[in-house]
């Protein structure tokens, strides 16, 4: 997996424990779900994807954006960070 990503690969025991935690702590599960949704809505919208693509093209061409620096999608390194 790329750095900064995380994949859940639970055993049956871990999956059972995770499901029990959701039932036993519904407010915590709801908060985790809301945070996950917020990250997806903010970081993976069409606008965010377009900004990320435009930034990458500008970096490759060595052309600064006339509107200033653009954001990048979460987990996407900027050219200067590589």
PDB file of N, CA and C in Angstrom:
ATOM      1  N   UNK A   1       0.834  -1.198   0.000  1.00  0.00           N
ATOM      2  CA  UNK A   1       0.000   0.000   0.000  1.00  0.00           C
ATOM      3  C   UNK A   1       0.874   1.255   0.000  1.00  0.00           C
ATOM      4  N   UNK A   2       0.412   2.322  -0.645  1.00  0.00           N
ATOM      5  CA  UNK A   2       1.176   3.577  -0.630  1.00  0.00           C
ATOM      6  C   UNK A   2       1.287   4.129   0.788  1.00  0.00           C
ATOM      7  N   UNK A   3       2.369   4.868   1.080  1.00  0.00           N
ATOM      8  CA  UNK A   3       2.512   5.475   2.401  1.00  0.00           C
ATOM      9  C   UNK A   3       1.300   6.350   2.728  1.00  0.00           C
ATOM     10  N   UNK A   4       0.884   6.327   3.965  1.00  0.00           N
ATOM     11  CA  UNK A   4      -0.241   7.152   4.392  1.00  0.00           C
ATOM     12  C   UNK A   4      -1.598   6.501   4.180  1.00  0.00           C
ATOM     13  N   UNK A   5      -1.620   5.279   3.608  1.00  0.00           N
ATOM     14  CA  UNK A   5      -2.892   4.587   3.435  1.00  0.00           C
ATOM     15  C   UNK A   5      -2.987   3.465   4.443  1.00  0.00           C
ATOM     16  N   UNK A   6      -4.176   3.031   4.683  1.00  0.00           N
ATOM     17  CA  UNK A   6      -4.388   1.986   5.658  1.00  0.00           C
ATOM     18  C   UNK A   6      -5.532   1.112   5.182  1.00  0.00           C
ATOM     19  N   UNK A   7      -5.319  -0.181   5.174  1.00  0.00           N
ATOM     20  CA  UNK A   7      -6.349  -1.133   4.774  1.00  0.00           C
ATOM     21  C   UNK A   7      -6.632  -2.045   5.948  1.00  0.00           C
ATOM     22  N   UNK A   8      -7.897  -2.238   6.214  1.00  0.00           N
ATOM     23  CA  UNK A   8      -8.303  -3.110   7.308  1.00  0.00           C
ATOM     24  C   UNK A   8      -8.348  -4.545   6.796  1.00  0.00           C
ATOM     25  N   UNK A   9      -7.547  -5.395   7.386  1.00  0.00           N
ATOM     26  CA  UNK A   9      -7.543  -6.809   7.043  1.00  0.00           C
ATOM     27  C   UNK A   9      -7.709  -7.604   8.333  1.00  0.00           C
ATOM     28  N   UNK A  10      -8.922  -7.579   8.889  1.00  0.00           N
ATOM     29  CA  UNK A  10      -9.116  -8.203  10.197  1.00  0.00           C
ATOM     30  C   UNK A  10      -9.228  -9.724  10.119  1.00  0.00           C
ATOM     31  N   UNK A  11      -8.853 -10.345  11.206  1.00  0.00           N
ATOM     32  CA  UNK A  11      -9.138 -11.767  11.365  1.00  0.00           C
ATOM     33  C   UNK A  11     -10.604 -11.856  11.794  1.00  0.00           C
ATOM     34  N   UNK A  12     -11.125 -13.056  11.845  1.00  0.00           N
ATOM     35  CA  UNK A  12     -12.519 -13.197  12.308  1.00  0.00           C
ATOM     36  C   UNK A  12     -12.666 -12.639  13.723  1.00  0.00           C
ATOM     37  N   UNK A  13     -11.664 -12.881  14.560  1.00  0.00           N
ATOM     38  CA  UNK A  13     -11.717 -12.394  15.937  1.00  0.00           C
ATOM     39  C   UNK A  13     -11.709 -10.862  15.963  1.00  0.00           C
ATOM     40  N   UNK A  14     -10.824 -10.240  15.157  1.00  0.00           N
ATOM     41  CA  UNK A  14     -10.757  -8.774  15.111  1.00  0.00           C
ATOM     42  C   UNK A  14     -12.037  -8.178  14.539  1.00  0.00           C
ATOM     43  N   UNK A  15     -12.590  -8.810  13.502  1.00  0.00           N
ATOM     44  CA  UNK A  15     -13.833  -8.323  12.906  1.00  0.00           C
ATOM     45  C   UNK A  15     -14.973  -8.418  13.903  1.00  0.00           C
ATOM     46  N   UNK A  16     -15.038  -9.522  14.617  1.00  0.00           N
ATOM     47  CA  UNK A  16     -16.070  -9.697  15.640  1.00  0.00           C
ATOM     48  C   UNK A  16     -15.949  -8.631  16.720  1.00  0.00           C
ATOM     49  N   UNK A  17     -14.728  -8.355  17.166  1.00  0.00           N
ATOM     50  CA  UNK A  17     -14.499  -7.328  18.193  1.00  0.00           C
ATOM     51  C   UNK A  17     -14.888  -5.950  17.672  1.00  0.00           C
ATOM     52  N   UNK A  18     -14.558  -5.649  16.412  1.00  0.00           N
ATOM     53  CA  UNK A  18     -14.913  -4.352  15.831  1.00  0.00           C
ATOM     54  C   UNK A  18     -16.427  -4.189  15.735  1.00  0.00           C
ATOM     55  N   UNK A  19     -17.110  -5.250  15.341  1.00  0.00           N
ATOM     56  CA  UNK A  19     -18.574  -5.188  15.237  1.00  0.00           C
ATOM     57  C   UNK A  19     -19.206  -5.022  16.620  1.00  0.00           C
ATOM     58  N   UNK A  20     -18.643  -5.728  17.615  1.00  0.00           N
ATOM     59  CA  UNK A  20     -19.141  -5.576  18.987  1.00  0.00           C
ATOM     60  C   UNK A  20     -18.949  -4.144  19.475  1.00  0.00           C
ATOM     61  N   UNK A  21     -17.805  -3.543  19.156  1.00  0.00           N
ATOM     62  CA  UNK A  21     -17.528  -2.168  19.583  1.00  0.00           C
ATOM     63  C   UNK A  21     -18.550  -1.202  19.009  1.00  0.00           C
ATOM     64  N   UNK A  22     -18.973  -1.422  17.767  1.00  0.00           N
ATOM     65  CA  UNK A  22     -19.985  -0.556  17.156  1.00  0.00           C
ATOM     66  C   UNK A  22     -21.300  -0.661  17.923  1.00  0.00           C
ATOM     67  N   UNK A  23     -21.683  -1.882  18.292  1.00  0.00           N
ATOM     68  CA  UNK A  23     -22.935  -2.087  19.028  1.00  0.00           C
ATOM     69  C   UNK A  23     -22.835  -1.521  20.445  1.00  0.00           C
ATOM     70  N   UNK A  24     -21.676  -1.718  21.080  1.00  0.00           N
ATOM     71  CA  UNK A  24     -21.500  -1.281  22.466  1.00  0.00           C
ATOM     72  C   UNK A  24     -21.255   0.217  22.597  1.00  0.00           C
ATOM     73  N   UNK A  25     -20.686   0.845  21.565  1.00  0.00           N
ATOM     74  CA  UNK A  25     -20.374   2.276  21.611  1.00  0.00           C
ATOM     75  C   UNK A  25     -20.895   2.973  20.350  1.00  0.00           C
ATOM     76  N   UNK A  26     -22.226   3.040  20.203  1.00  0.00           N
ATOM     77  CA  UNK A  26     -22.788   3.593  18.969  1.00  0.00           C
ATOM     78  C   UNK A  26     -22.423   5.055  18.724  1.00  0.00           C
ATOM     79  N   UNK A  27     -22.280   5.843  19.779  1.00  0.00           N
ATOM     80  CA  UNK A  27     -21.926   7.255  19.583  1.00  0.00           C
ATOM     81  C   UNK A  27     -20.503   7.398  19.042  1.00  0.00           C
ATOM     82  N   UNK A  28     -19.599   6.570  19.541  1.00  0.00           N
ATOM     83  CA  UNK A  28     -18.222   6.588  19.029  1.00  0.00           C
ATOM     84  C   UNK A  28     -18.201   6.151  17.569  1.00  0.00           C
ATOM     85  N   UNK A  29     -18.967   5.113  17.245  1.00  0.00           N
ATOM     86  CA  UNK A  29     -19.037   4.641  15.862  1.00  0.00           C
ATOM     87  C   UNK A  29     -19.629   5.720  14.953  1.00  0.00           C
ATOM     88  N   UNK A  30     -20.651   6.399  15.450  1.00  0.00           N
ATOM     89  CA  UNK A  30     -21.280   7.470  14.665  1.00  0.00           C
ATOM     90  C   UNK A  30     -20.289   8.614  14.416  1.00  0.00           C
ATOM     91  N   UNK A  31     -19.509   8.977  15.441  1.00  0.00           N
ATOM     92  CA  UNK A  31     -18.516  10.045  15.298  1.00  0.00           C
ATOM     93  C   UNK A  31     -17.434   9.642  14.294  1.00  0.00           C
ATOM     94  N   UNK A  32     -16.989   8.380  14.344  1.00  0.00           N
ATOM     95  CA  UNK A  32     -15.986   7.898  13.393  1.00  0.00           C
ATOM     96  C   UNK A  32     -16.525   7.939  11.970  1.00  0.00           C
ATOM     97  N   UNK A  33     -17.775   7.545  11.811  1.00  0.00           N
ATOM     98  CA  UNK A  33     -18.403   7.582  10.495  1.00  0.00           C
ATOM     99  C   UNK A  33     -18.525   8.999   9.963  1.00  0.00           C
ATOM    100  N   UNK A  34     -18.897   9.934  10.837  1.00  0.00           N
ATOM    101  CA  UNK A  34     -19.027  11.337  10.437  1.00  0.00           C
ATOM    102  C   UNK A  34     -17.675  11.912  10.027  1.00  0.00           C
ATOM    103  N   UNK A  35     -16.614  11.560  10.760  1.00  0.00           N
ATOM    104  CA  UNK A  35     -15.275  12.044  10.419  1.00  0.00           C
ATOM    105  C   UNK A  35     -14.820  11.464   9.079  1.00  0.00           C
ATOM    106  N   UNK A  36     -15.088  10.190   8.857  1.00  0.00           N
ATOM    107  CA  UNK A  36     -14.749   9.572   7.581  1.00  0.00           C
ATOM    108  C   UNK A  36     -15.488  10.233   6.429  1.00  0.00           C
ATOM    109  N   UNK A  37     -16.765  10.515   6.628  1.00  0.00           N
ATOM    110  CA  UNK A  37     -17.553  11.178   5.589  1.00  0.00           C
ATOM    111  C   UNK A  37     -17.004  12.570   5.300  1.00  0.00           C
ATOM    112  N   UNK A  38     -16.652  13.301   6.365  1.00  0.00           N
ATOM    113  CA  UNK A  38     -16.116  14.654   6.184  1.00  0.00           C
ATOM    114  C   UNK A  38     -14.833  14.615   5.344  1.00  0.00           C
ATOM    115  N   UNK A  39     -13.950  13.674   5.655  1.00  0.00           N
ATOM    116  CA  UNK A  39     -12.695  13.555   4.897  1.00  0.00           C
ATOM    117  C   UNK A  39     -12.959  13.276   3.421  1.00  0.00           C
ATOM    118  N   UNK A  40     -13.910  12.403   3.142  1.00  0.00           N
ATOM    119  CA  UNK A  40     -14.222  12.068   1.752  1.00  0.00           C
ATOM    120  C   UNK A  40     -14.837  13.267   1.039  1.00  0.00           C
ATOM    121  N   UNK A  41     -15.810  13.912   1.674  1.00  0.00           N
ATOM    122  CA  UNK A  41     -16.476  15.062   1.048  1.00  0.00           C
ATOM    123  C   UNK A  41     -15.489  16.195   0.778  1.00  0.00           C
ATOM    124  N   UNK A  42     -14.616  16.486   1.743  1.00  0.00           N
ATOM    125  CA  UNK A  42     -13.663  17.591   1.593  1.00  0.00           C
ATOM    126  C   UNK A  42     -12.490  17.249   0.686  1.00  0.00           C
ATOM    127  N   UNK A  43     -11.989  16.050   0.776  1.00  0.00           N
ATOM    128  CA  UNK A  43     -10.755  15.728   0.088  1.00  0.00           C
ATOM    129  C   UNK A  43     -10.890  15.009  -1.233  1.00  0.00           C
ATOM    130  N   UNK A  44     -12.066  14.494  -1.523  1.00  0.00           N
ATOM    131  CA  UNK A  44     -12.212  13.686  -2.722  1.00  0.00           C
ATOM    132  C   UNK A  44     -13.390  14.125  -3.584  1.00  0.00           C
ATOM    133  N   UNK A  45     -13.691  15.411  -3.534  1.00  0.00           N
ATOM    134  CA  UNK A  45     -14.741  15.963  -4.389  1.00  0.00           C
ATOM    135  C   UNK A  45     -14.181  16.168  -5.790  1.00  0.00           C
ATOM    136  N   UNK A  46     -15.047  16.479  -6.743  1.00  0.00           N
ATOM    137  CA  UNK A  46     -14.584  16.790  -8.096  1.00  0.00           C
ATOM    138  C   UNK A  46     -13.679  18.018  -8.070  1.00  0.00           C
ATOM    139  N   UNK A  47     -14.037  19.003  -7.257  1.00  0.00           N
ATOM    140  CA  UNK A  47     -13.203  20.214  -7.162  1.00  0.00           C
ATOM    141  C   UNK A  47     -11.815  19.887  -6.623  1.00  0.00           C
ATOM    142  N   UNK A  48     -11.765  19.048  -5.578  1.00  0.00           N
ATOM    143  CA  UNK A  48     -10.467  18.677  -5.003  1.00  0.00           C
ATOM    144  C   UNK A  48      -9.639  17.888  -6.012  1.00  0.00           C
ATOM    145  N   UNK A  49     -10.281  16.986  -6.763  1.00  0.00           N
ATOM    146  CA  UNK A  49      -9.563  16.210  -7.767  1.00  0.00           C
ATOM    147  C   UNK A  49      -9.048  17.119  -8.883  1.00  0.00           C
ATOM    148  N   UNK A  50      -9.872  18.070  -9.300  1.00  0.00           N
ATOM    149  CA  UNK A  50      -9.453  19.009 -10.352  1.00  0.00           C
ATOM    150  C   UNK A  50      -8.296  19.879  -9.873  1.00  0.00           C
ATOM    151  N   UNK A  51      -8.366  20.359  -8.640  1.00  0.00           N
ATOM    152  CA  UNK A  51      -7.271  21.160  -8.076  1.00  0.00           C
ATOM    153  C   UNK A  51      -5.978  20.345  -8.022  1.00  0.00           C
ATOM    154  N   UNK A  52      -6.091  19.089  -7.612  1.00  0.00           N
ATOM    155  CA  UNK A  52      -4.916  18.220  -7.522  1.00  0.00           C
ATOM    156  C   UNK A  52      -4.311  18.005  -8.910  1.00  0.00           C
ATOM    157  N   UNK A  53      -5.153  17.734  -9.900  1.00  0.00           N
ATOM    158  CA  UNK A  53      -4.664  17.524 -11.265  1.00  0.00           C
ATOM    159  C   UNK A  53      -4.024  18.802 -11.814  1.00  0.00           C
ATOM    160  N   UNK A  54      -4.669  19.937 -11.591  1.00  0.00           N
ATOM    161  CA  UNK A  54      -4.127  21.215 -12.082  1.00  0.00           C
ATOM    162  C   UNK A  54      -2.783  21.505 -11.427  1.00  0.00           C
ATOM    163  N   UNK A  55      -2.680  21.250 -10.137  1.00  0.00           N
ATOM    164  CA  UNK A  55      -1.422  21.476  -9.413  1.00  0.00           C
ATOM    165  C   UNK A  55      -0.311  20.610  -9.979  1.00  0.00           C
ATOM    166  N   UNK A  56      -0.639  19.349 -10.244  1.00  0.00           N
ATOM    167  CA  UNK A  56       0.369  18.432 -10.777  1.00  0.00           C
ATOM    168  C   UNK A  56       0.818  18.879 -12.165  1.00  0.00           C
ATOM    169  N   UNK A  57      -0.122  19.271 -13.008  1.00  0.00           N
ATOM    170  CA  UNK A  57       0.223  19.750 -14.355  1.00  0.00           C
ATOM    171  C   UNK A  57       1.095  20.995 -14.259  1.00  0.00           C
ATOM    172  N   UNK A  58       0.721  21.923 -13.369  1.00  0.00           N
ATOM    173  CA  UNK A  58       1.521  23.138 -13.179  1.00  0.00           C
ATOM    174  C   UNK A  58       2.926  22.782 -12.708  1.00  0.00           C
ATOM    175  N   UNK A  59       3.029  21.827 -11.789  1.00  0.00           N
ATOM    176  CA  UNK A  59       4.344  21.393 -11.301  1.00  0.00           C
ATOM    177  C   UNK A  59       5.180  20.798 -12.433  1.00  0.00           C
ATOM    178  N   UNK A  60       4.564  19.960 -13.243  1.00  0.00           N
ATOM    179  CA  UNK A  60       5.285  19.326 -14.346  1.00  0.00           C
ATOM    180  C   UNK A  60       5.747  20.338 -15.383  1.00  0.00           C
ATOM    181  N   UNK A  61       4.911  21.346 -15.626  1.00  0.00           N
ATOM    182  CA  UNK A  61       5.257  22.365 -16.614  1.00  0.00           C
ATOM    183  C   UNK A  61       6.128  23.470 -16.037  1.00  0.00           C
ATOM    184  N   UNK A  62       6.236  23.513 -14.725  1.00  0.00           N
ATOM    185  CA  UNK A  62       7.013  24.564 -14.084  1.00  0.00           C
ATOM    186  C   UNK A  62       6.347  25.921 -14.188  1.00  0.00           C
ATOM    187  N   UNK A  63       5.022  25.904 -14.263  1.00  0.00           N
ATOM    188  CA  UNK A  63       4.259  27.142 -14.417  1.00  0.00           C
ATOM    189  C   UNK A  63       3.472  27.395 -13.132  1.00  0.00           C
ATOM    190  N   UNK A  64       3.725  28.517 -12.449  1.00  0.00           N
ATOM    191  CA  UNK A  64       2.927  28.815 -11.255  1.00  0.00           C
ATOM    192  C   UNK A  64       1.508  29.183 -11.655  1.00  0.00           C
ATOM    193  N   UNK A  65       0.580  28.822 -10.827  1.00  0.00           N
ATOM    194  CA  UNK A  65      -0.823  29.151 -11.080  1.00  0.00           C
ATOM    195  C   UNK A  65      -1.039  30.646 -10.924  1.00  0.00           C
ATOM    196  N   UNK A  66      -1.783  31.284 -11.844  1.00  0.00           N
ATOM    197  CA  UNK A  66      -2.058  32.711 -11.701  1.00  0.00           C
ATOM    198  C   UNK A  66      -2.897  33.025 -10.474  1.00  0.00           C
ATOM    199  N   UNK A  67      -3.628  32.027  -9.979  1.00  0.00           N
ATOM    200  CA  UNK A  67      -4.470  32.262  -8.804  1.00  0.00           C
ATOM    201  C   UNK A  67      -3.783  31.852  -7.510  1.00  0.00           C
ATOM    202  N   UNK A  68      -2.500  31.543  -7.572  1.00  0.00           N
ATOM    203  CA  UNK A  68      -1.773  31.137  -6.369  1.00  0.00           C
ATOM    204  C   UNK A  68      -1.728  29.635  -6.261  1.00  0.00           C
ATOM    205  N   UNK A  69      -1.088  29.117  -5.215  1.00  0.00           N
ATOM    206  CA  UNK A  69      -0.950  27.676  -5.067  1.00  0.00           C
ATOM    207  C   UNK A  69      -2.293  26.998  -4.862  1.00  0.00           C
ATOM    208  N   UNK A  70      -2.431  25.839  -5.428  1.00  0.00           N
ATOM    209  CA  UNK A  70      -3.660  25.053  -5.279  1.00  0.00           C
ATOM    210  C   UNK A  70      -3.434  23.987  -4.226  1.00  0.00           C
ATOM    211  N   UNK A  71      -4.519  23.510  -3.663  1.00  0.00           N
ATOM    212  CA  UNK A  71      -4.438  22.434  -2.686  1.00  0.00           C
ATOM    213  C   UNK A  71      -4.250  21.099  -3.367  1.00  0.00           C
ATOM    214  N   UNK A  72      -3.979  20.093  -2.581  1.00  0.00           N
ATOM    215  CA  UNK A  72      -3.856  18.743  -3.097  1.00  0.00           C
ATOM    216  C   UNK A  72      -4.752  17.830  -2.285  1.00  0.00           C
ATOM    217  N   UNK A  73      -5.094  16.720  -2.862  1.00  0.00           N
ATOM    218  CA  UNK A  73      -5.908  15.748  -2.156  1.00  0.00           C
ATOM    219  C   UNK A  73      -5.122  15.193  -0.976  1.00  0.00           C
ATOM    220  N   UNK A  74      -5.801  14.786   0.083  1.00  0.00           N
ATOM    221  CA  UNK A  74      -5.092  14.237   1.235  1.00  0.00           C
ATOM    222  C   UNK A  74      -4.201  13.069   0.823  1.00  0.00           C
ATOM    223  N   UNK A  75      -3.010  13.042   1.345  1.00  0.00           N
ATOM    224  CA  UNK A  75      -2.081  11.966   1.052  1.00  0.00           C
ATOM    225  C   UNK A  75      -1.314  12.133  -0.247  1.00  0.00           C
ATOM    226  N   UNK A  76      -1.586  13.217  -0.988  1.00  0.00           N
ATOM    227  CA  UNK A  76      -0.881  13.447  -2.242  1.00  0.00           C
ATOM    228  C   UNK A  76       0.287  14.393  -1.993  1.00  0.00           C
ATOM    229  N   UNK A  77       1.521  13.915  -2.177  1.00  0.00           N
ATOM    230  CA  UNK A  77       2.658  14.799  -1.916  1.00  0.00           C
ATOM    231  C   UNK A  77       2.778  15.874  -2.989  1.00  0.00           C
ATOM    232  N   UNK A  78       3.158  17.059  -2.565  1.00  0.00           N
ATOM    233  CA  UNK A  78       3.424  18.124  -3.529  1.00  0.00           C
ATOM    234  C   UNK A  78       4.791  17.879  -4.138  1.00  0.00           C
ATOM    235  N   UNK A  79       5.024  18.410  -5.313  1.00  0.00           N
ATOM    236  CA  UNK A  79       6.307  18.236  -6.000  1.00  0.00           C
ATOM    237  C   UNK A  79       7.463  18.673  -5.101  1.00  0.00           C
ATOM    238  N   UNK A  80       7.275  19.785  -4.386  1.00  0.00           N
ATOM    239  CA  UNK A  80       8.344  20.302  -3.514  1.00  0.00           C
ATOM    240  C   UNK A  80       8.650  19.365  -2.352  1.00  0.00           C
ATOM    241  N   UNK A  81       7.692  18.482  -1.996  1.00  0.00           N
ATOM    242  CA  UNK A  81       7.876  17.575  -0.876  1.00  0.00           C
ATOM    243  C   UNK A  81       8.550  16.265  -1.272  1.00  0.00           C
ATOM    244  N   UNK A  82       8.772  16.060  -2.568  1.00  0.00           N
ATOM    245  CA  UNK A  82       9.340  14.784  -3.031  1.00  0.00           C
ATOM    246  C   UNK A  82      10.834  14.778  -2.952  1.00  0.00           C
TER     247      UNK A  82
END
